[in-house]
Amino acid sequence: MNRAEKDAAILRKRLSQQRTQGPTKALSPGLWREE
């Protein structure tokens, strides 16, 4: 998977998480660097 595809996947995941967990957790940068 190239960088652009990875970034797109993270953005989609972030949007779906935001609906269920709230904006603060969904937008926290630290969560998305662990993957």
Protein backbone atom coordinates (compact mmCIF):
# COMPACT_ATOMS: atom_id res chain seq x y z
CA MET A 1 0.00 0.00 0.00
CA ASN A 2 1.45 3.36 -1.00
CA ARG A 3 1.43 6.51 1.13
CA ALA A 4 -1.60 8.05 -0.56
CA GLU A 5 -3.68 4.90 -0.08
CA LYS A 6 -2.60 4.66 3.56
CA ASP A 7 -3.53 8.30 4.20
CA ALA A 8 -6.91 7.82 2.55
CA ALA A 9 -7.60 4.74 4.67
CA ILE A 10 -6.69 6.61 7.86
CA LEU A 11 -8.99 9.50 6.91
CA ARG A 12 -11.91 7.15 6.26
CA LYS A 13 -11.29 5.38 9.55
CA ARG A 14 -11.02 8.70 11.37
CA LEU A 15 -14.38 9.85 9.98
CA SER A 16 -16.13 6.63 10.96
CA GLN A 17 -14.58 6.71 14.45
CA GLN A 18 -15.62 10.35 14.86
CA ARG A 19 -19.29 9.44 14.53
CA THR A 20 -19.15 6.96 17.41
CA GLN A 21 -16.41 8.26 19.70
CA GLY A 22 -16.67 12.03 19.34
CA PRO A 23 -14.42 14.59 17.66
CA THR A 24 -11.74 14.89 20.34
CA LYS A 25 -10.72 11.24 20.29
CA ALA A 26 -11.24 10.86 16.54
CA LEU A 27 -9.03 13.84 15.73
CA SER A 28 -6.26 13.00 18.20
CA PRO A 29 -3.13 12.60 16.04
CA GLY A 30 -1.45 10.13 18.38
CA LEU A 31 -4.09 7.46 17.80
CA TRP A 32 -3.38 7.29 14.07
CA ARG A 33 0.38 6.90 14.31
CA GLU A 34 0.08 3.54 16.10
CA GLU A 35 -1.24 1.63 13.09
